[in-house]
PDB file of N, CA and C in Angstrom:
ATOM      1  N   UNK A   1     -33.784  22.854  37.647  1.00  0.00           N
ATOM      2  CA  UNK A   1     -33.170  21.631  37.200  1.00  0.00           C
ATOM      3  C   UNK A   1     -33.269  21.506  35.679  1.00  0.00           C
ATOM      4  N   UNK A   2     -34.439  21.807  35.131  1.00  0.00           N
ATOM      5  CA  UNK A   2     -34.630  21.686  33.688  1.00  0.00           C
ATOM      6  C   UNK A   2     -33.738  22.665  32.936  1.00  0.00           C
ATOM      7  N   UNK A   3     -33.605  23.874  33.457  1.00  0.00           N
ATOM      8  CA  UNK A   3     -32.771  24.875  32.792  1.00  0.00           C
ATOM      9  C   UNK A   3     -31.304  24.460  32.817  1.00  0.00           C
ATOM     10  N   UNK A   4     -30.890  23.799  33.873  1.00  0.00           N
ATOM     11  CA  UNK A   4     -29.525  23.282  33.962  1.00  0.00           C
ATOM     12  C   UNK A   4     -29.275  22.280  32.833  1.00  0.00           C
ATOM     13  N   UNK A   5     -30.227  21.389  32.625  1.00  0.00           N
ATOM     14  CA  UNK A   5     -30.093  20.349  31.599  1.00  0.00           C
ATOM     15  C   UNK A   5     -30.173  20.946  30.196  1.00  0.00           C
ATOM     16  N   UNK A   6     -31.147  21.814  29.959  1.00  0.00           N
ATOM     17  CA  UNK A   6     -31.363  22.386  28.626  1.00  0.00           C
ATOM     18  C   UNK A   6     -30.167  23.230  28.187  1.00  0.00           C
ATOM     19  N   UNK A   7     -29.650  24.034  29.098  1.00  0.00           N
ATOM     20  CA  UNK A   7     -28.587  24.971  28.731  1.00  0.00           C
ATOM     21  C   UNK A   7     -27.186  24.511  29.032  1.00  0.00           C
ATOM     22  N   UNK A   8     -27.025  23.271  29.491  1.00  0.00           N
ATOM     23  CA  UNK A   8     -25.713  22.745  29.848  1.00  0.00           C
ATOM     24  C   UNK A   8     -25.045  23.654  30.865  1.00  0.00           C
ATOM     25  N   UNK A   9     -25.800  24.069  31.870  1.00  0.00           N
ATOM     26  CA  UNK A   9     -25.299  24.992  32.884  1.00  0.00           C
ATOM     27  C   UNK A   9     -24.951  24.256  34.166  1.00  0.00           C
ATOM     28  N   UNK A  10     -24.063  24.854  34.934  1.00  0.00           N
ATOM     29  CA  UNK A  10     -23.762  24.343  36.270  1.00  0.00           C
ATOM     30  C   UNK A  10     -24.820  24.866  37.229  1.00  0.00           C
ATOM     31  N   UNK A  11     -24.988  24.200  38.345  1.00  0.00           N
ATOM     32  CA  UNK A  11     -25.977  24.595  39.336  1.00  0.00           C
ATOM     33  C   UNK A  11     -25.804  26.028  39.801  1.00  0.00           C
ATOM     34  N   UNK A  12     -24.572  26.444  40.070  1.00  0.00           N
ATOM     35  CA  UNK A  12     -24.310  27.810  40.530  1.00  0.00           C
ATOM     36  C   UNK A  12     -24.675  28.830  39.461  1.00  0.00           C
ATOM     37  N   UNK A  13     -24.530  28.470  38.202  1.00  0.00           N
ATOM     38  CA  UNK A  13     -24.875  29.376  37.113  1.00  0.00           C
ATOM     39  C   UNK A  13     -26.381  29.590  37.043  1.00  0.00           C
ATOM     40  N   UNK A  14     -27.150  28.567  37.344  1.00  0.00           N
ATOM     41  CA  UNK A  14     -28.607  28.684  37.345  1.00  0.00           C
ATOM     42  C   UNK A  14     -29.071  29.466  38.571  1.00  0.00           C
ATOM     43  N   UNK A  15     -28.456  29.213  39.709  1.00  0.00           N
ATOM     44  CA  UNK A  15     -28.844  29.899  40.945  1.00  0.00           C
ATOM     45  C   UNK A  15     -28.649  31.408  40.835  1.00  0.00           C
ATOM     46  N   UNK A  16     -27.609  31.837  40.139  1.00  0.00           N
ATOM     47  CA  UNK A  16     -27.317  33.267  40.043  1.00  0.00           C
ATOM     48  C   UNK A  16     -28.098  33.987  38.942  1.00  0.00           C
ATOM     49  N   UNK A  17     -28.958  33.273  38.211  1.00  0.00           N
ATOM     50  CA  UNK A  17     -29.780  33.921  37.186  1.00  0.00           C
ATOM     51  C   UNK A  17     -30.845  34.800  37.843  1.00  0.00           C
ATOM     52  N   UNK A  18     -31.185  35.885  37.168  1.00  0.00           N
ATOM     53  CA  UNK A  18     -32.248  36.769  37.652  1.00  0.00           C
ATOM     54  C   UNK A  18     -33.110  37.190  36.459  1.00  0.00           C
ATOM     55  N   UNK A  19     -34.106  38.011  36.731  1.00  0.00           N
ATOM     56  CA  UNK A  19     -34.967  38.502  35.652  1.00  0.00           C
ATOM     57  C   UNK A  19     -34.180  39.297  34.624  1.00  0.00           C
ATOM     58  N   UNK A  20     -33.093  39.905  35.035  1.00  0.00           N
ATOM     59  CA  UNK A  20     -32.257  40.695  34.124  1.00  0.00           C
ATOM     60  C   UNK A  20     -31.610  39.817  33.051  1.00  0.00           C
ATOM     61  N   UNK A  21     -31.487  38.522  33.296  1.00  0.00           N
ATOM     62  CA  UNK A  21     -30.880  37.615  32.331  1.00  0.00           C
ATOM     63  C   UNK A  21     -31.838  37.200  31.224  1.00  0.00           C
ATOM     64  N   UNK A  22     -33.117  37.470  31.395  1.00  0.00           N
ATOM     65  CA  UNK A  22     -34.112  37.102  30.395  1.00  0.00           C
ATOM     66  C   UNK A  22     -34.150  38.168  29.302  1.00  0.00           C
ATOM     67  N   UNK A  23     -33.972  37.733  28.056  1.00  0.00           N
ATOM     68  CA  UNK A  23     -33.997  38.646  26.911  1.00  0.00           C
ATOM     69  C   UNK A  23     -34.983  38.120  25.883  1.00  0.00           C
ATOM     70  N   UNK A  24     -35.175  38.868  24.818  1.00  0.00           N
ATOM     71  CA  UNK A  24     -36.065  38.430  23.735  1.00  0.00           C
ATOM     72  C   UNK A  24     -35.509  37.186  23.045  1.00  0.00           C
ATOM     73  N   UNK A  25     -34.187  37.038  23.038  1.00  0.00           N
ATOM     74  CA  UNK A  25     -33.535  35.887  22.397  1.00  0.00           C
ATOM     75  C   UNK A  25     -33.642  34.624  23.233  1.00  0.00           C
ATOM     76  N   UNK A  26     -33.663  34.791  24.551  1.00  0.00           N
ATOM     77  CA  UNK A  26     -33.686  33.648  25.459  1.00  0.00           C
ATOM     78  C   UNK A  26     -33.142  34.064  26.809  1.00  0.00           C
ATOM     79  N   UNK A  27     -32.364  33.191  27.435  1.00  0.00           N
ATOM     80  CA  UNK A  27     -31.786  33.461  28.744  1.00  0.00           C
ATOM     81  C   UNK A  27     -30.287  33.642  28.575  1.00  0.00           C
ATOM     82  N   UNK A  28     -29.777  34.810  28.948  1.00  0.00           N
ATOM     83  CA  UNK A  28     -28.339  35.097  28.866  1.00  0.00           C
ATOM     84  C   UNK A  28     -27.683  34.571  30.134  1.00  0.00           C
ATOM     85  N   UNK A  29     -26.666  33.739  29.970  1.00  0.00           N
ATOM     86  CA  UNK A  29     -26.008  33.113  31.112  1.00  0.00           C
ATOM     87  C   UNK A  29     -24.660  33.747  31.389  1.00  0.00           C
ATOM     88  N   UNK A  30     -24.275  33.697  32.647  1.00  0.00           N
ATOM     89  CA  UNK A  30     -22.942  34.131  33.076  1.00  0.00           C
ATOM     90  C   UNK A  30     -22.191  32.874  33.496  1.00  0.00           C
ATOM     91  N   UNK A  31     -21.299  32.412  32.611  1.00  0.00           N
ATOM     92  CA  UNK A  31     -20.624  31.135  32.831  1.00  0.00           C
ATOM     93  C   UNK A  31     -19.462  31.281  33.800  1.00  0.00           C
ATOM     94  N   UNK A  32     -19.020  30.170  34.352  1.00  0.00           N
ATOM     95  CA  UNK A  32     -17.910  30.109  35.297  1.00  0.00           C
ATOM     96  C   UNK A  32     -16.781  29.262  34.721  1.00  0.00           C
ATOM     97  N   UNK A  33     -15.692  29.242  35.431  1.00  0.00           N
ATOM     98  CA  UNK A  33     -14.537  28.387  35.119  1.00  0.00           C
ATOM     99  C   UNK A  33     -14.016  28.574  33.695  1.00  0.00           C
ATOM    100  N   UNK A  34     -13.940  29.810  33.239  1.00  0.00           N
ATOM    101  CA  UNK A  34     -13.330  30.089  31.949  1.00  0.00           C
ATOM    102  C   UNK A  34     -14.194  29.849  30.734  1.00  0.00           C
ATOM    103  N   UNK A  35     -15.452  29.513  30.929  1.00  0.00           N
ATOM    104  CA  UNK A  35     -16.340  29.302  29.774  1.00  0.00           C
ATOM    105  C   UNK A  35     -16.899  30.621  29.294  1.00  0.00           C
ATOM    106  N   UNK A  36     -17.268  30.689  28.038  1.00  0.00           N
ATOM    107  CA  UNK A  36     -17.831  31.909  27.456  1.00  0.00           C
ATOM    108  C   UNK A  36     -19.300  32.050  27.832  1.00  0.00           C
ATOM    109  N   UNK A  37     -19.711  33.287  28.100  1.00  0.00           N
ATOM    110  CA  UNK A  37     -21.131  33.548  28.336  1.00  0.00           C
ATOM    111  C   UNK A  37     -21.893  33.240  27.054  1.00  0.00           C
ATOM    112  N   UNK A  38     -23.132  32.805  27.193  1.00  0.00           N
ATOM    113  CA  UNK A  38     -23.918  32.492  26.005  1.00  0.00           C
ATOM    114  C   UNK A  38     -25.396  32.735  26.268  1.00  0.00           C
ATOM    115  N   UNK A  39     -26.201  32.528  25.244  1.00  0.00           N
ATOM    116  CA  UNK A  39     -27.647  32.691  25.348  1.00  0.00           C
ATOM    117  C   UNK A  39     -28.293  31.338  25.089  1.00  0.00           C
ATOM    118  N   UNK A  40     -29.136  30.908  26.038  1.00  0.00           N
ATOM    119  CA  UNK A  40     -29.926  29.695  25.844  1.00  0.00           C
ATOM    120  C   UNK A  40     -31.185  30.148  25.126  1.00  0.00           C
ATOM    121  N   UNK A  41     -31.398  29.670  23.912  1.00  0.00           N
ATOM    122  CA  UNK A  41     -32.503  30.152  23.078  1.00  0.00           C
ATOM    123  C   UNK A  41     -33.853  29.954  23.745  1.00  0.00           C
ATOM    124  N   UNK A  42     -34.789  30.820  23.373  1.00  0.00           N
ATOM    125  CA  UNK A  42     -36.100  30.845  23.993  1.00  0.00           C
ATOM    126  C   UNK A  42     -37.103  29.875  23.402  1.00  0.00           C
ATOM    127  N   UNK A  43     -36.826  28.597  23.477  1.00  0.00           N
ATOM    128  CA  UNK A  43     -37.799  27.600  23.068  1.00  0.00           C
ATOM    129  C   UNK A  43     -38.884  27.494  24.137  1.00  0.00           C
ATOM    130  N   UNK A  44     -40.064  26.985  23.814  1.00  0.00           N
ATOM    131  CA  UNK A  44     -41.136  26.884  24.819  1.00  0.00           C
ATOM    132  C   UNK A  44     -40.701  26.164  26.098  1.00  0.00           C
ATOM    133  N   UNK A  45     -39.943  25.108  25.954  1.00  0.00           N
ATOM    134  CA  UNK A  45     -39.482  24.366  27.132  1.00  0.00           C
ATOM    135  C   UNK A  45     -38.534  25.222  27.981  1.00  0.00           C
ATOM    136  N   UNK A  46     -37.672  26.008  27.341  1.00  0.00           N
ATOM    137  CA  UNK A  46     -36.769  26.884  28.049  1.00  0.00           C
ATOM    138  C   UNK A  46     -37.531  27.985  28.769  1.00  0.00           C
ATOM    139  N   UNK A  47     -38.499  28.570  28.097  1.00  0.00           N
ATOM    140  CA  UNK A  47     -39.281  29.648  28.686  1.00  0.00           C
ATOM    141  C   UNK A  47     -40.060  29.154  29.894  1.00  0.00           C
ATOM    142  N   UNK A  48     -40.609  27.950  29.817  1.00  0.00           N
ATOM    143  CA  UNK A  48     -41.359  27.397  30.933  1.00  0.00           C
ATOM    144  C   UNK A  48     -40.429  27.144  32.117  1.00  0.00           C
ATOM    145  N   UNK A  49     -39.232  26.649  31.854  1.00  0.00           N
ATOM    146  CA  UNK A  49     -38.267  26.370  32.928  1.00  0.00           C
ATOM    147  C   UNK A  49     -37.770  27.656  33.573  1.00  0.00           C
ATOM    148  N   UNK A  50     -37.674  28.729  32.806  1.00  0.00           N
ATOM    149  CA  UNK A  50     -37.161  29.995  33.321  1.00  0.00           C
ATOM    150  C   UNK A  50     -38.174  30.738  34.187  1.00  0.00           C
ATOM    151  N   UNK A  51     -39.446  30.381  34.087  1.00  0.00           N
ATOM    152  CA  UNK A  51     -40.475  31.073  34.869  1.00  0.00           C
ATOM    153  C   UNK A  51     -40.446  30.646  36.260  1.00  0.00           C
TER     154      UNK A  51
END
């Protein structure tokens, strides 16, 4: 839920995340509905939500 809010992601986008999406920069997302893929930066709050 927190990652959805922090990264402006849809629920399905968060559900499909895996360990492969975690990078040194942050969390790489695979967007839907014509949006561009992006990286949610690795702030402490983001890192805690991704664990």
